[in-house]
Amino acid sequence: RLLMTVIDTCNKKKGKLIIPSFAIGRAQEIIYSL
């Protein structure tokens, strides 16, 4: 679902994907997934 959100936003809409995230734990999970 993260991948599809990146594709839909950045490839299709040519826009910015903003991910508000807690700096400890959550952010590292997102970075690792990417």
PDB file of all heavy atoms in Angstrom:
ATOM      1  N   ARG A   1       0.828  -1.210   0.000  1.00  0.00           N
ATOM      2  CA  ARG A   1       0.000   0.000   0.000  1.00  0.00           C
ATOM      3  C   ARG A   1       0.861   1.259   0.000  1.00  0.00           C
ATOM      4  O   ARG A   1       0.528   2.264  -0.629  1.00  0.00           O
ATOM      5  CB  ARG A   1      -0.929  -0.006   1.209  1.00  0.00           C
ATOM      6  CG  ARG A   1      -2.032  -1.064   1.116  1.00  0.00           C
ATOM      7  CD  ARG A   1      -2.996  -0.934   2.266  1.00  0.00           C
ATOM      8  NE  ARG A   1      -3.645   0.373   2.270  1.00  0.00           N
ATOM      9  CZ  ARG A   1      -4.344   0.848   3.290  1.00  0.00           C
ATOM     10  NH1 ARG A   1      -4.462   0.128   4.400  1.00  0.00           N
ATOM     11  NH2 ARG A   1      -4.916   2.037   3.226  1.00  0.00           N
ATOM     12  N   LEU A   2       1.983   1.198   0.696  1.00  0.00           N
ATOM     13  CA  LEU A   2       2.927   2.323   0.670  1.00  0.00           C
ATOM     14  C   LEU A   2       3.458   2.519  -0.741  1.00  0.00           C
ATOM     15  O   LEU A   2       3.524   3.654  -1.243  1.00  0.00           O
ATOM     16  CB  LEU A   2       4.075   2.055   1.645  1.00  0.00           C
ATOM     17  CG  LEU A   2       5.201   3.087   1.665  1.00  0.00           C
ATOM     18  CD1 LEU A   2       4.686   4.459   2.095  1.00  0.00           C
ATOM     19  CD2 LEU A   2       6.339   2.625   2.596  1.00  0.00           C
ATOM     20  N   LEU A   3       3.829   1.436  -1.386  1.00  0.00           N
ATOM     21  CA  LEU A   3       4.331   1.514  -2.761  1.00  0.00           C
ATOM     22  C   LEU A   3       3.290   2.128  -3.692  1.00  0.00           C
ATOM     23  O   LEU A   3       3.608   3.023  -4.492  1.00  0.00           O
ATOM     24  CB  LEU A   3       4.725   0.111  -3.256  1.00  0.00           C
ATOM     25  CG  LEU A   3       5.115  -0.002  -4.734  1.00  0.00           C
ATOM     26  CD1 LEU A   3       6.325   0.872  -5.052  1.00  0.00           C
ATOM     27  CD2 LEU A   3       5.365  -1.458  -5.107  1.00  0.00           C
ATOM     28  N   MET A   4       2.041   1.665  -3.590  1.00  0.00           N
ATOM     29  CA  MET A   4       0.993   2.187  -4.463  1.00  0.00           C
ATOM     30  C   MET A   4       0.737   3.667  -4.199  1.00  0.00           C
ATOM     31  O   MET A   4       0.443   4.436  -5.124  1.00  0.00           O
ATOM     32  CB  MET A   4      -0.297   1.384  -4.278  1.00  0.00           C
ATOM     33  CG  MET A   4      -0.212  -0.063  -4.740  1.00  0.00           C
ATOM     34  SD  MET A   4       0.481  -0.226  -6.408  1.00  0.00           S
ATOM     35  CE  MET A   4      -0.700   0.738  -7.370  1.00  0.00           C
ATOM     36  N   THR A   5       0.889   4.092  -2.939  1.00  0.00           N
ATOM     37  CA  THR A   5       0.699   5.512  -2.619  1.00  0.00           C
ATOM     38  C   THR A   5       1.801   6.352  -3.244  1.00  0.00           C
ATOM     39  O   THR A   5       1.544   7.452  -3.758  1.00  0.00           O
ATOM     40  CB  THR A   5       0.672   5.715  -1.091  1.00  0.00           C
ATOM     41  OG1 THR A   5      -0.355   4.888  -0.528  1.00  0.00           O
ATOM     42  CG2 THR A   5       0.387   7.166  -0.740  1.00  0.00           C
ATOM     43  N   VAL A   6       3.028   5.847  -3.221  1.00  0.00           N
ATOM     44  CA  VAL A   6       4.135   6.555  -3.881  1.00  0.00           C
ATOM     45  C   VAL A   6       3.893   6.638  -5.382  1.00  0.00           C
ATOM     46  O   VAL A   6       4.051   7.700  -5.998  1.00  0.00           O
ATOM     47  CB  VAL A   6       5.484   5.862  -3.590  1.00  0.00           C
ATOM     48  CG1 VAL A   6       6.612   6.547  -4.380  1.00  0.00           C
ATOM     49  CG2 VAL A   6       5.802   5.881  -2.104  1.00  0.00           C
ATOM     50  N   ILE A   7       3.491   5.530  -5.997  1.00  0.00           N
ATOM     51  CA  ILE A   7       3.249   5.497  -7.447  1.00  0.00           C
ATOM     52  C   ILE A   7       2.114   6.450  -7.820  1.00  0.00           C
ATOM     53  O   ILE A   7       2.232   7.262  -8.748  1.00  0.00           O
ATOM     54  CB  ILE A   7       2.926   4.058  -7.902  1.00  0.00           C
ATOM     55  CG1 ILE A   7       4.179   3.174  -7.789  1.00  0.00           C
ATOM     56  CG2 ILE A   7       2.404   4.057  -9.342  1.00  0.00           C
ATOM     57  CD1 ILE A   7       3.910   1.705  -8.040  1.00  0.00           C
ATOM     58  N   ASP A   8       0.997   6.383  -7.080  1.00  0.00           N
ATOM     59  CA  ASP A   8      -0.160   7.223  -7.403  1.00  0.00           C
ATOM     60  C   ASP A   8       0.162   8.704  -7.244  1.00  0.00           C
ATOM     61  O   ASP A   8      -0.283   9.536  -8.037  1.00  0.00           O
ATOM     62  CB  ASP A   8      -1.345   6.859  -6.496  1.00  0.00           C
ATOM     63  CG  ASP A   8      -1.914   5.486  -6.803  1.00  0.00           C
ATOM     64  OD1 ASP A   8      -1.616   4.955  -7.891  1.00  0.00           O
ATOM     65  OD2 ASP A   8      -2.665   4.945  -5.964  1.00  0.00           O
ATOM     66  N   THR A   9       0.932   9.042  -6.227  1.00  0.00           N
ATOM     67  CA  THR A   9       1.234  10.457  -5.958  1.00  0.00           C
ATOM     68  C   THR A   9       2.350  10.982  -6.844  1.00  0.00           C
ATOM     69  O   THR A   9       2.209  12.027  -7.494  1.00  0.00           O
ATOM     70  CB  THR A   9       1.631  10.656  -4.483  1.00  0.00           C
ATOM     71  OG1 THR A   9       0.597  10.142  -3.639  1.00  0.00           O
ATOM     72  CG2 THR A   9       1.859  12.131  -4.175  1.00  0.00           C
ATOM     73  N   CYS A  10       3.459  10.263  -6.866  1.00  0.00           N
ATOM     74  CA  CYS A  10       4.667  10.771  -7.531  1.00  0.00           C
ATOM     75  C   CYS A  10       4.701  10.484  -9.030  1.00  0.00           C
ATOM     76  O   CYS A  10       5.156  11.328  -9.814  1.00  0.00           O
ATOM     77  CB  CYS A  10       5.915  10.191  -6.856  1.00  0.00           C
ATOM     78  SG  CYS A  10       6.053  10.616  -5.105  1.00  0.00           S
ATOM     79  N   ASN A  11       4.209   9.331  -9.446  1.00  0.00           N
ATOM     80  CA  ASN A  11       4.228   8.985 -10.877  1.00  0.00           C
ATOM     81  C   ASN A  11       2.997   9.509 -11.614  1.00  0.00           C
ATOM     82  O   ASN A  11       3.113  10.104 -12.684  1.00  0.00           O
ATOM     83  CB  ASN A  11       4.316   7.473 -11.068  1.00  0.00           C
ATOM     84  CG  ASN A  11       5.746   6.971 -10.969  1.00  0.00           C
ATOM     85  OD1 ASN A  11       6.616   7.690 -10.490  1.00  0.00           O
ATOM     86  ND2 ASN A  11       5.994   5.741 -11.401  1.00  0.00           N
ATOM     87  N   LYS A  12       1.827   9.281 -11.012  1.00  0.00           N
ATOM     88  CA  LYS A  12       0.593   9.634 -11.717  1.00  0.00           C
ATOM     89  C   LYS A  12       0.213  11.102 -11.540  1.00  0.00           C
ATOM     90  O   LYS A  12      -0.089  11.795 -12.515  1.00  0.00           O
ATOM     91  CB  LYS A  12      -0.548   8.728 -11.252  1.00  0.00           C
ATOM     92  CG  LYS A  12      -0.331   7.252 -11.604  1.00  0.00           C
ATOM     93  CD  LYS A  12      -1.492   6.388 -11.130  1.00  0.00           C
ATOM     94  CE  LYS A  12      -1.260   4.925 -11.486  1.00  0.00           C
ATOM     95  NZ  LYS A  12      -2.362   4.050 -10.989  1.00  0.00           N
ATOM     96  N   LYS A  13       0.226  11.588 -10.293  1.00  0.00           N
ATOM     97  CA  LYS A  13      -0.168  12.981 -10.047  1.00  0.00           C
ATOM     98  C   LYS A  13       1.005  13.952 -10.170  1.00  0.00           C
ATOM     99  O   LYS A  13       0.789  15.168 -10.202  1.00  0.00           O
ATOM    100  CB  LYS A  13      -0.796  13.123  -8.661  1.00  0.00           C
ATOM    101  CG  LYS A  13      -2.139  12.407  -8.502  1.00  0.00           C
ATOM    102  CD  LYS A  13      -2.882  12.871  -7.248  1.00  0.00           C
ATOM    103  CE  LYS A  13      -2.132  12.575  -5.979  1.00  0.00           C
ATOM    104  NZ  LYS A  13      -2.884  12.962  -4.757  1.00  0.00           N
ATOM    105  N   LYS A  14       2.232  13.416 -10.154  1.00  0.00           N
ATOM    106  CA  LYS A  14       3.443  14.257 -10.190  1.00  0.00           C
ATOM    107  C   LYS A  14       3.478  15.202  -8.993  1.00  0.00           C
ATOM    108  O   LYS A  14       3.865  16.370  -9.091  1.00  0.00           O
ATOM    109  CB  LYS A  14       3.526  15.065 -11.491  1.00  0.00           C
ATOM    110  CG  LYS A  14       3.402  14.245 -12.762  1.00  0.00           C
ATOM    111  CD  LYS A  14       4.541  13.257 -12.896  1.00  0.00           C
ATOM    112  CE  LYS A  14       4.451  12.475 -14.211  1.00  0.00           C
ATOM    113  NZ  LYS A  14       5.480  11.415 -14.296  1.00  0.00           N
ATOM    114  N   GLY A  15       3.063  14.684  -7.822  1.00  0.00           N
ATOM    115  CA  GLY A  15       2.984  15.529  -6.640  1.00  0.00           C
ATOM    116  C   GLY A  15       3.902  15.074  -5.527  1.00  0.00           C
ATOM    117  O   GLY A  15       4.766  14.205  -5.694  1.00  0.00           O
ATOM    118  N   LYS A  16       3.698  15.678  -4.358  1.00  0.00           N
ATOM    119  CA  LYS A  16       4.487  15.363  -3.175  1.00  0.00           C
ATOM    120  C   LYS A  16       3.693  14.455  -2.245  1.00  0.00           C
ATOM    121  O   LYS A  16       2.504  14.695  -2.000  1.00  0.00           O
ATOM    122  CB  LYS A  16       4.862  16.643  -2.417  1.00  0.00           C
ATOM    123  CG  LYS A  16       5.834  17.556  -3.141  1.00  0.00           C
ATOM    124  CD  LYS A  16       6.152  18.782  -2.294  1.00  0.00           C
ATOM    125  CE  LYS A  16       7.140  19.710  -3.019  1.00  0.00           C
ATOM    126  NZ  LYS A  16       7.426  20.924  -2.214  1.00  0.00           N
ATOM    127  N   LEU A  17       4.352  13.431  -1.741  1.00  0.00           N
ATOM    128  CA  LEU A  17       3.774  12.565  -0.720  1.00  0.00           C
ATOM    129  C   LEU A  17       4.354  12.982   0.620  1.00  0.00           C
ATOM    130  O   LEU A  17       5.566  12.858   0.847  1.00  0.00           O
ATOM    131  CB  LEU A  17       4.104  11.097  -1.001  1.00  0.00           C
ATOM    132  CG  LEU A  17       3.738  10.082   0.093  1.00  0.00           C
ATOM    133  CD1 LEU A  17       2.262  10.140   0.446  1.00  0.00           C
ATOM    134  CD2 LEU A  17       4.148   8.675  -0.315  1.00  0.00           C
ATOM    135  N   ILE A  18       3.503  13.498   1.510  1.00  0.00           N
ATOM    136  CA  ILE A  18       3.938  13.940   2.831  1.00  0.00           C
ATOM    137  C   ILE A  18       3.505  12.903   3.863  1.00  0.00           C
ATOM    138  O   ILE A  18       2.322  12.570   3.965  1.00  0.00           O
ATOM    139  CB  ILE A  18       3.342  15.321   3.182  1.00  0.00           C
ATOM    140  CG1 ILE A  18       3.827  16.371   2.171  1.00  0.00           C
ATOM    141  CG2 ILE A  18       3.727  15.736   4.600  1.00  0.00           C
ATOM    142  CD1 ILE A  18       3.173  17.731   2.343  1.00  0.00           C
ATOM    143  N   ILE A  19       4.492  12.370   4.595  1.00  0.00           N
ATOM    144  CA  ILE A  19       4.216  11.345   5.600  1.00  0.00           C
ATOM    145  C   ILE A  19       4.581  11.906   6.971  1.00  0.00           C
ATOM    146  O   ILE A  19       5.748  11.927   7.363  1.00  0.00           O
ATOM    147  CB  ILE A  19       5.015  10.049   5.330  1.00  0.00           C
ATOM    148  CG1 ILE A  19       4.786   9.549   3.901  1.00  0.00           C
ATOM    149  CG2 ILE A  19       4.628   8.978   6.346  1.00  0.00           C
ATOM    150  CD1 ILE A  19       5.571   8.301   3.551  1.00  0.00           C
ATOM    151  N   PRO A  20       3.589  12.415   7.717  1.00  0.00           N
ATOM    152  CA  PRO A  20       3.862  12.859   9.092  1.00  0.00           C
ATOM    153  C   PRO A  20       4.170  11.638   9.951  1.00  0.00           C
ATOM    154  O   PRO A  20       3.415  10.664   9.951  1.00  0.00           O
ATOM    155  CB  PRO A  20       2.554  13.526   9.527  1.00  0.00           C
ATOM    156  CG  PRO A  20       1.793  13.766   8.250  1.00  0.00           C
ATOM    157  CD  PRO A  20       2.190  12.649   7.337  1.00  0.00           C
ATOM    158  N   SER A  21       5.272  11.679  10.675  1.00  0.00           N
ATOM    159  CA  SER A  21       5.681  10.485  11.399  1.00  0.00           C
ATOM    160  C   SER A  21       6.402  10.842  12.678  1.00  0.00           C
ATOM    161  O   SER A  21       7.163  11.812  12.727  1.00  0.00           O
ATOM    162  CB  SER A  21       6.611   9.633  10.522  1.00  0.00           C
ATOM    163  OG  SER A  21       7.110   8.524  11.234  1.00  0.00           O
ATOM    164  N   PHE A  22       6.171  10.048  13.712  1.00  0.00           N
ATOM    165  CA  PHE A  22       6.971  10.196  14.918  1.00  0.00           C
ATOM    166  C   PHE A  22       8.426   9.872  14.574  1.00  0.00           C
ATOM    167  O   PHE A  22       8.702   8.935  13.824  1.00  0.00           O
ATOM    168  CB  PHE A  22       6.461   9.273  16.021  1.00  0.00           C
ATOM    169  CG  PHE A  22       5.085   9.638  16.499  1.00  0.00           C
ATOM    170  CD1 PHE A  22       3.991   8.855  16.171  1.00  0.00           C
ATOM    171  CD2 PHE A  22       4.882  10.781  17.262  1.00  0.00           C
ATOM    172  CE1 PHE A  22       2.719   9.193  16.603  1.00  0.00           C
ATOM    173  CE2 PHE A  22       3.607  11.127  17.694  1.00  0.00           C
ATOM    174  CZ  PHE A  22       2.524  10.335  17.365  1.00  0.00           C
ATOM    175  N   ALA A  23       9.339  10.648  15.133  1.00  0.00           N
ATOM    176  CA  ALA A  23      10.749  10.539  14.762  1.00  0.00           C
ATOM    177  C   ALA A  23      11.397   9.257  15.265  1.00  0.00           C
ATOM    178  O   ALA A  23      12.414   8.821  14.729  1.00  0.00           O
ATOM    179  CB  ALA A  23      11.520  11.754  15.293  1.00  0.00           C
ATOM    180  N   ILE A  24      10.799   8.660  16.289  1.00  0.00           N
ATOM    181  CA  ILE A  24      11.358   7.449  16.888  1.00  0.00           C
ATOM    182  C   ILE A  24      10.459   6.262  16.577  1.00  0.00           C
ATOM    183  O   ILE A  24       9.290   6.248  16.961  1.00  0.00           O
ATOM    184  CB  ILE A  24      11.489   7.582  18.422  1.00  0.00           C
ATOM    185  CG1 ILE A  24      12.124   8.912  18.804  1.00  0.00           C
ATOM    186  CG2 ILE A  24      12.269   6.407  18.981  1.00  0.00           C
ATOM    187  CD1 ILE A  24      13.526   9.111  18.342  1.00  0.00           C
ATOM    188  N   GLY A  25      10.981   5.281  15.874  1.00  0.00           N
ATOM    189  CA  GLY A  25      10.237   4.056  15.610  1.00  0.00           C
ATOM    190  C   GLY A  25       9.481   4.076  14.304  1.00  0.00           C
ATOM    191  O   GLY A  25       9.818   3.348  13.366  1.00  0.00           O
ATOM    192  N   ARG A  26       8.468   4.924  14.214  1.00  0.00           N
ATOM    193  CA  ARG A  26       7.626   4.958  13.022  1.00  0.00           C
ATOM    194  C   ARG A  26       8.418   5.364  11.788  1.00  0.00           C
ATOM    195  O   ARG A  26       8.321   4.753  10.725  1.00  0.00           O
ATOM    196  CB  ARG A  26       6.465   5.932  13.241  1.00  0.00           C
ATOM    197  CG  ARG A  26       5.279   5.749  12.320  1.00  0.00           C
ATOM    198  CD  ARG A  26       4.480   4.544  12.739  1.00  0.00           C
ATOM    199  NE  ARG A  26       4.334   4.498  14.185  1.00  0.00           N
ATOM    200  CZ  ARG A  26       3.437   5.192  14.882  1.00  0.00           C
ATOM    201  NH1 ARG A  26       2.574   5.964  14.263  1.00  0.00           N
ATOM    202  NH2 ARG A  26       3.358   5.078  16.193  1.00  0.00           N
ATOM    203  N   ALA A  27       9.217   6.412  11.922  1.00  0.00           N
ATOM    204  CA  ALA A  27       9.998   6.900  10.781  1.00  0.00           C
ATOM    205  C   ALA A  27      10.955   5.822  10.283  1.00  0.00           C
ATOM    206  O   ALA A  27      11.098   5.622   9.068  1.00  0.00           O
ATOM    207  CB  ALA A  27      10.772   8.156  11.167  1.00  0.00           C
ATOM    208  N   GLN A  28      11.592   5.115  11.209  1.00  0.00           N
ATOM    209  CA  GLN A  28      12.541   4.074  10.798  1.00  0.00           C
ATOM    210  C   GLN A  28      11.829   2.916  10.086  1.00  0.00           C
ATOM    211  O   GLN A  28      12.373   2.319   9.158  1.00  0.00           O
ATOM    212  CB  GLN A  28      13.321   3.559  12.012  1.00  0.00           C
ATOM    213  CG  GLN A  28      14.345   4.533  12.557  1.00  0.00           C
ATOM    214  CD  GLN A  28      13.742   5.654  13.370  1.00  0.00           C
ATOM    215  OE1 GLN A  28      12.681   5.485  13.999  1.00  0.00           O
ATOM    216  NE2 GLN A  28      14.386   6.802  13.386  1.00  0.00           N
ATOM    217  N   GLU A  29      10.594   2.605  10.525  1.00  0.00           N
ATOM    218  CA  GLU A  29       9.811   1.570   9.845  1.00  0.00           C
ATOM    219  C   GLU A  29       9.538   1.965   8.394  1.00  0.00           C
ATOM    220  O   GLU A  29       9.659   1.144   7.476  1.00  0.00           O
ATOM    221  CB  GLU A  29       8.479   1.357  10.584  1.00  0.00           C
ATOM    222  CG  GLU A  29       8.608   0.648  11.915  1.00  0.00           C
ATOM    223  CD  GLU A  29       8.394  -0.846  11.788  1.00  0.00           C
ATOM    224  OE1 GLU A  29       7.944  -1.304  10.718  1.00  0.00           O
ATOM    225  OE2 GLU A  29       8.689  -1.560  12.762  1.00  0.00           O
ATOM    226  N   ILE A  30       9.157   3.226   8.181  1.00  0.00           N
ATOM    227  CA  ILE A  30       8.873   3.706   6.829  1.00  0.00           C
ATOM    228  C   ILE A  30      10.142   3.681   5.977  1.00  0.00           C
ATOM    229  O   ILE A  30      10.135   3.230   4.825  1.00  0.00           O
ATOM    230  CB  ILE A  30       8.296   5.135   6.875  1.00  0.00           C
ATOM    231  CG1 ILE A  30       6.996   5.176   7.679  1.00  0.00           C
ATOM    232  CG2 ILE A  30       8.075   5.672   5.463  1.00  0.00           C
ATOM    233  CD1 ILE A  30       5.848   4.443   7.077  1.00  0.00           C
ATOM    234  N   ILE A  31      11.245   4.173   6.546  1.00  0.00           N
ATOM    235  CA  ILE A  31      12.514   4.212   5.807  1.00  0.00           C
ATOM    236  C   ILE A  31      12.949   2.806   5.430  1.00  0.00           C
ATOM    237  O   ILE A  31      13.372   2.552   4.290  1.00  0.00           O
ATOM    238  CB  ILE A  31      13.600   4.908   6.658  1.00  0.00           C
ATOM    239  CG1 ILE A  31      13.246   6.386   6.871  1.00  0.00           C
ATOM    240  CG2 ILE A  31      14.976   4.786   5.992  1.00  0.00           C
ATOM    241  CD1 ILE A  31      14.038   7.037   7.990  1.00  0.00           C
ATOM    242  N   TYR A  32      12.833   1.886   6.367  1.00  0.00           N
ATOM    243  CA  TYR A  32      13.226   0.497   6.100  1.00  0.00           C
ATOM    244  C   TYR A  32      12.361  -0.117   5.003  1.00  0.00           C
ATOM    245  O   TYR A  32      12.869  -0.821   4.115  1.00  0.00           O
ATOM    246  CB  TYR A  32      13.126  -0.301   7.398  1.00  0.00           C
ATOM    247  CG  TYR A  32      13.386  -1.785   7.263  1.00  0.00           C
ATOM    248  CD1 TYR A  32      14.514  -2.264   6.610  1.00  0.00           C
ATOM    249  CD2 TYR A  32      12.502  -2.708   7.805  1.00  0.00           C
ATOM    250  CE1 TYR A  32      14.756  -3.622   6.498  1.00  0.00           C
ATOM    251  CE2 TYR A  32      12.726  -4.066   7.710  1.00  0.00           C
ATOM    252  CZ  TYR A  32      13.863  -4.513   7.051  1.00  0.00           C
ATOM    253  OH  TYR A  32      14.090  -5.868   6.937  1.00  0.00           O
ATOM    254  N   SER A  33      11.058   0.156   5.039  1.00  0.00           N
ATOM    255  CA  SER A  33      10.169  -0.367   4.001  1.00  0.00           C
ATOM    256  C   SER A  33      10.538   0.188   2.624  1.00  0.00           C
ATOM    257  O   SER A  33      10.557  -0.542   1.625  1.00  0.00           O
ATOM    258  CB  SER A  33       8.711  -0.020   4.328  1.00  0.00           C
ATOM    259  OG  SER A  33       8.261  -0.737   5.452  1.00  0.00           O
ATOM    260  N   LEU A  34      10.834   1.475   2.570  1.00  0.00           N
ATOM    261  CA  LEU A  34      11.251   2.081   1.302  1.00  0.00           C
ATOM    262  C   LEU A  34      12.576   1.487   0.832  1.00  0.00           C
ATOM    263  O   LEU A  34      12.786   1.264  -0.371  1.00  0.00           O
ATOM    264  CB  LEU A  34      11.370   3.597   1.451  1.00  0.00           C
ATOM    265  CG  LEU A  34      10.049   4.347   1.692  1.00  0.00           C
ATOM    266  CD1 LEU A  34      10.315   5.813   2.033  1.00  0.00           C
ATOM    267  CD2 LEU A  34       9.141   4.247   0.461  1.00  0.00           C
TER     268      LEU A  34
END
